[in-house]
Amino acid sequence: MPVEQALPSGHPIMVAWEKYKTGDEYANTRRWAIDKNHTEGSLWAAFLEGWKAAEKFIGVNDVPDAG
């Protein structure tokens, strides 16, 4: 049984990902991720955007508050 499986390109989560990659927020996150002092924060920002896009598909109502 595979541990990972790619989503089809037409899947709503993949559509959201492709849309996110065209925006300024993604470009900024990617730029900062290259700097080793900001990599973790940038990856976290990208993860949260993915989480928000996936919430309605994975049955989660709220993104946990980091504070």
N, C-alpha and C. Protein backbone atom coordinates (compact mmCIF):
# COMPACT_ATOMS: atom_id res chain seq x y z
N MET A 1 0.85 -1.18 0.00
CA MET A 1 0.00 0.00 0.00
C MET A 1 0.89 1.24 0.00
N PRO A 2 0.69 2.14 -0.96
CA PRO A 2 1.56 3.32 -1.03
C PRO A 2 1.31 4.27 0.14
N VAL A 3 2.39 4.87 0.61
CA VAL A 3 2.30 5.86 1.68
C VAL A 3 1.90 7.21 1.12
N GLU A 4 2.37 7.50 -0.08
CA GLU A 4 2.06 8.77 -0.74
C GLU A 4 1.41 8.48 -2.08
N GLN A 5 0.51 9.36 -2.45
CA GLN A 5 -0.12 9.23 -3.75
C GLN A 5 -0.41 10.63 -4.25
N ALA A 6 0.00 10.91 -5.46
CA ALA A 6 -0.25 12.23 -6.05
C ALA A 6 -1.75 12.42 -6.29
N LEU A 7 -2.20 13.63 -6.05
CA LEU A 7 -3.59 13.97 -6.37
C LEU A 7 -3.69 14.27 -7.86
N PRO A 8 -4.82 13.98 -8.46
CA PRO A 8 -5.00 14.36 -9.86
C PRO A 8 -4.94 15.88 -10.01
N SER A 9 -4.46 16.36 -11.14
CA SER A 9 -4.30 17.81 -11.33
C SER A 9 -5.62 18.57 -11.22
N GLY A 10 -6.74 17.92 -11.47
CA GLY A 10 -8.04 18.58 -11.37
C GLY A 10 -8.65 18.57 -9.98
N HIS A 11 -7.99 17.90 -9.03
CA HIS A 11 -8.50 17.84 -7.66
C HIS A 11 -8.51 19.25 -7.07
N PRO A 12 -9.55 19.60 -6.32
CA PRO A 12 -9.65 20.96 -5.78
C PRO A 12 -8.43 21.42 -4.97
N ILE A 13 -7.79 20.51 -4.25
CA ILE A 13 -6.60 20.91 -3.49
C ILE A 13 -5.45 21.26 -4.44
N MET A 14 -5.29 20.49 -5.52
CA MET A 14 -4.24 20.80 -6.49
C MET A 14 -4.54 22.08 -7.25
N VAL A 15 -5.81 22.31 -7.54
CA VAL A 15 -6.20 23.56 -8.21
C VAL A 15 -5.86 24.74 -7.30
N ALA A 16 -6.15 24.61 -6.01
CA ALA A 16 -5.82 25.68 -5.05
C ALA A 16 -4.32 25.89 -4.97
N TRP A 17 -3.54 24.80 -4.98
CA TRP A 17 -2.08 24.89 -4.92
C TRP A 17 -1.54 25.64 -6.14
N GLU A 18 -1.99 25.26 -7.31
CA GLU A 18 -1.52 25.92 -8.53
C GLU A 18 -1.89 27.40 -8.53
N LYS A 19 -3.06 27.73 -8.04
CA LYS A 19 -3.47 29.14 -7.94
C LYS A 19 -2.57 29.87 -6.94
N TYR A 20 -2.31 29.27 -5.80
CA TYR A 20 -1.45 29.87 -4.77
C TYR A 20 -0.06 30.16 -5.33
N LYS A 21 0.48 29.25 -6.15
CA LYS A 21 1.84 29.42 -6.68
C LYS A 21 1.96 30.61 -7.63
N THR A 22 0.85 31.11 -8.14
CA THR A 22 0.90 32.25 -9.06
C THR A 22 0.85 33.59 -8.34
N GLY A 23 0.64 33.56 -7.04
CA GLY A 23 0.44 34.80 -6.30
C GLY A 23 1.69 35.38 -5.67
N ASP A 24 1.57 36.62 -5.24
CA ASP A 24 2.66 37.33 -4.57
C ASP A 24 3.04 36.68 -3.24
N GLU A 25 2.04 36.16 -2.53
CA GLU A 25 2.32 35.54 -1.23
C GLU A 25 3.25 34.33 -1.38
N TYR A 26 2.99 33.52 -2.39
CA TYR A 26 3.86 32.37 -2.65
C TYR A 26 5.26 32.83 -3.03
N ALA A 27 5.35 33.82 -3.89
CA ALA A 27 6.66 34.33 -4.31
C ALA A 27 7.45 34.83 -3.10
N ASN A 28 6.78 35.52 -2.20
CA ASN A 28 7.44 36.02 -0.99
C ASN A 28 7.86 34.87 -0.08
N THR A 29 6.97 33.90 0.11
CA THR A 29 7.29 32.74 0.94
C THR A 29 8.49 31.99 0.37
N ARG A 30 8.51 31.81 -0.92
CA ARG A 30 9.61 31.11 -1.57
C ARG A 30 10.92 31.88 -1.43
N ARG A 31 10.84 33.19 -1.60
CA ARG A 31 12.05 34.03 -1.48
C ARG A 31 12.65 33.90 -0.09
N TRP A 32 11.79 33.97 0.94
CA TRP A 32 12.29 33.90 2.32
C TRP A 32 12.74 32.50 2.69
N ALA A 33 12.16 31.47 2.09
CA ALA A 33 12.53 30.09 2.41
C ALA A 33 13.98 29.79 2.04
N ILE A 34 14.51 30.51 1.08
CA ILE A 34 15.90 30.30 0.66
C ILE A 34 16.88 30.73 1.75
N ASP A 35 16.48 31.71 2.55
CA ASP A 35 17.33 32.21 3.65
C ASP A 35 17.22 31.24 4.82
N LYS A 36 18.33 30.60 5.19
CA LYS A 36 18.29 29.57 6.23
C LYS A 36 17.74 30.08 7.56
N ASN A 37 17.78 31.38 7.79
CA ASN A 37 17.24 31.93 9.04
C ASN A 37 15.71 32.04 9.00
N HIS A 38 15.14 31.90 7.82
CA HIS A 38 13.69 32.07 7.68
C HIS A 38 13.00 30.86 7.04
N THR A 39 13.74 29.79 6.80
CA THR A 39 13.19 28.64 6.11
C THR A 39 11.99 28.05 6.84
N GLU A 40 12.14 27.80 8.13
CA GLU A 40 11.04 27.15 8.88
C GLU A 40 9.78 28.01 8.88
N GLY A 41 9.92 29.28 9.09
CA GLY A 41 8.75 30.17 9.09
C GLY A 41 8.08 30.20 7.73
N SER A 42 8.88 30.23 6.68
CA SER A 42 8.32 30.25 5.33
C SER A 42 7.60 28.95 5.01
N LEU A 43 8.20 27.83 5.41
CA LEU A 43 7.54 26.55 5.18
C LEU A 43 6.24 26.45 5.98
N TRP A 44 6.26 26.99 7.18
CA TRP A 44 5.04 26.99 8.01
C TRP A 44 3.95 27.81 7.34
N ALA A 45 4.31 28.98 6.79
CA ALA A 45 3.33 29.82 6.10
C ALA A 45 2.72 29.08 4.92
N ALA A 46 3.54 28.38 4.16
CA ALA A 46 3.03 27.61 3.02
C ALA A 46 2.15 26.46 3.49
N PHE A 47 2.55 25.79 4.57
CA PHE A 47 1.75 24.71 5.13
C PHE A 47 0.36 25.22 5.55
N LEU A 48 0.33 26.37 6.22
CA LEU A 48 -0.96 26.91 6.66
C LEU A 48 -1.87 27.25 5.49
N GLU A 49 -1.30 27.78 4.42
CA GLU A 49 -2.11 28.06 3.24
C GLU A 49 -2.69 26.77 2.68
N GLY A 50 -1.88 25.72 2.65
CA GLY A 50 -2.38 24.43 2.19
C GLY A 50 -3.44 23.86 3.10
N TRP A 51 -3.23 24.02 4.40
CA TRP A 51 -4.20 23.54 5.38
C TRP A 51 -5.55 24.24 5.16
N LYS A 52 -5.50 25.55 5.02
CA LYS A 52 -6.73 26.32 4.81
C LYS A 52 -7.45 25.86 3.55
N ALA A 53 -6.69 25.61 2.49
CA ALA A 53 -7.30 25.16 1.23
C ALA A 53 -7.91 23.77 1.37
N ALA A 54 -7.33 22.94 2.22
CA ALA A 54 -7.76 21.55 2.34
C ALA A 54 -8.83 21.33 3.40
N GLU A 55 -9.05 22.31 4.27
CA GLU A 55 -9.97 22.12 5.40
C GLU A 55 -11.31 21.49 5.01
N LYS A 56 -11.92 21.99 3.98
CA LYS A 56 -13.24 21.49 3.63
C LYS A 56 -13.21 20.07 3.06
N PHE A 57 -12.02 19.63 2.64
CA PHE A 57 -11.91 18.29 2.08
C PHE A 57 -11.46 17.26 3.11
N ILE A 58 -10.84 17.70 4.20
CA ILE A 58 -10.33 16.75 5.19
C ILE A 58 -11.17 16.73 6.46
N GLY A 59 -12.24 17.51 6.48
CA GLY A 59 -13.15 17.48 7.61
C GLY A 59 -12.67 18.21 8.85
N VAL A 60 -11.79 19.16 8.68
CA VAL A 60 -11.29 19.94 9.81
C VAL A 60 -11.94 21.31 9.73
N ASN A 61 -12.46 21.78 10.85
CA ASN A 61 -13.17 23.03 10.86
C ASN A 61 -12.30 24.24 11.12
N ASP A 62 -11.26 24.09 11.90
CA ASP A 62 -10.44 25.23 12.27
C ASP A 62 -8.96 24.90 12.16
N VAL A 63 -8.20 25.89 11.76
CA VAL A 63 -6.75 25.77 11.82
C VAL A 63 -6.36 26.02 13.26
N PRO A 64 -5.59 25.13 13.89
CA PRO A 64 -5.20 25.34 15.29
C PRO A 64 -4.47 26.67 15.46
N ASP A 65 -4.78 27.35 16.53
CA ASP A 65 -4.14 28.62 16.84
C ASP A 65 -2.74 28.34 17.40
N ALA A 66 -1.74 28.95 16.79
CA ALA A 66 -0.34 28.72 17.21
C ALA A 66 -0.05 29.38 18.54
N GLY A 67 -0.87 30.32 18.98
CA GLY A 67 -0.58 31.05 20.22
C GLY A 67 -1.23 30.49 21.35
